[in-house]
Structures are given as C-alpha cells and as structure tokens.
Amino acid sequence: RTSFLVVAFTSDWLYPTEQSRALVQLLKRNGLDVSFCEIQSDWGHDAFLLPSERLHALVAAFLSRIFREGTSVGGSHAF
C-alpha cells in the first residue's frame, strides 16, 4: 500500500491550494491513502524552503506512521 502526504501553503502562487486539493481528490478516488494539510504562510512558493515547525512535525508524524505500518511512500518502500 502506498501513502501520500500533500502539503499546501496558503500563499503559494505557483501551486495554489486548490491544485493540491484536486490532487488529493484524484488520489482518494483511486483508493489511495492520502493525508492533506494546508499551512498558513506569507512567504509564497518558497515557504517550503524556510524552517517550519508545523511542516517538520507533519512530515515526522507521517513518516513515523509509514514506518510503523510498513507501507510505502509515493511508491518507494519505507524501511
């Protein structure tokens, strides 16, 4: 089983949240495990490059769950 984490930033003009939500819907329609979170930010598309405790916590929790369940991340096995 493959799991996905989709994170959007409110100020990202290059990949707006609406596109991320559409991706999440498509993945779910295909029966895939998807987690989604939108993070408030004023830093535009580069927000993911800046330190973010919330992003760090989301990714850490997601990867911990994947490791515990022995599933894969976006097609790559997590071991």
Foldseek 3Di string as FASTA:
>chain_A
DEEEEQEAECQAPVCHPVNSVVVVVVCVVVVHHYHYYYHYDPPYNCPVVDDDPVVVVVVVVVLVVCVVVQHHYPPHTRD
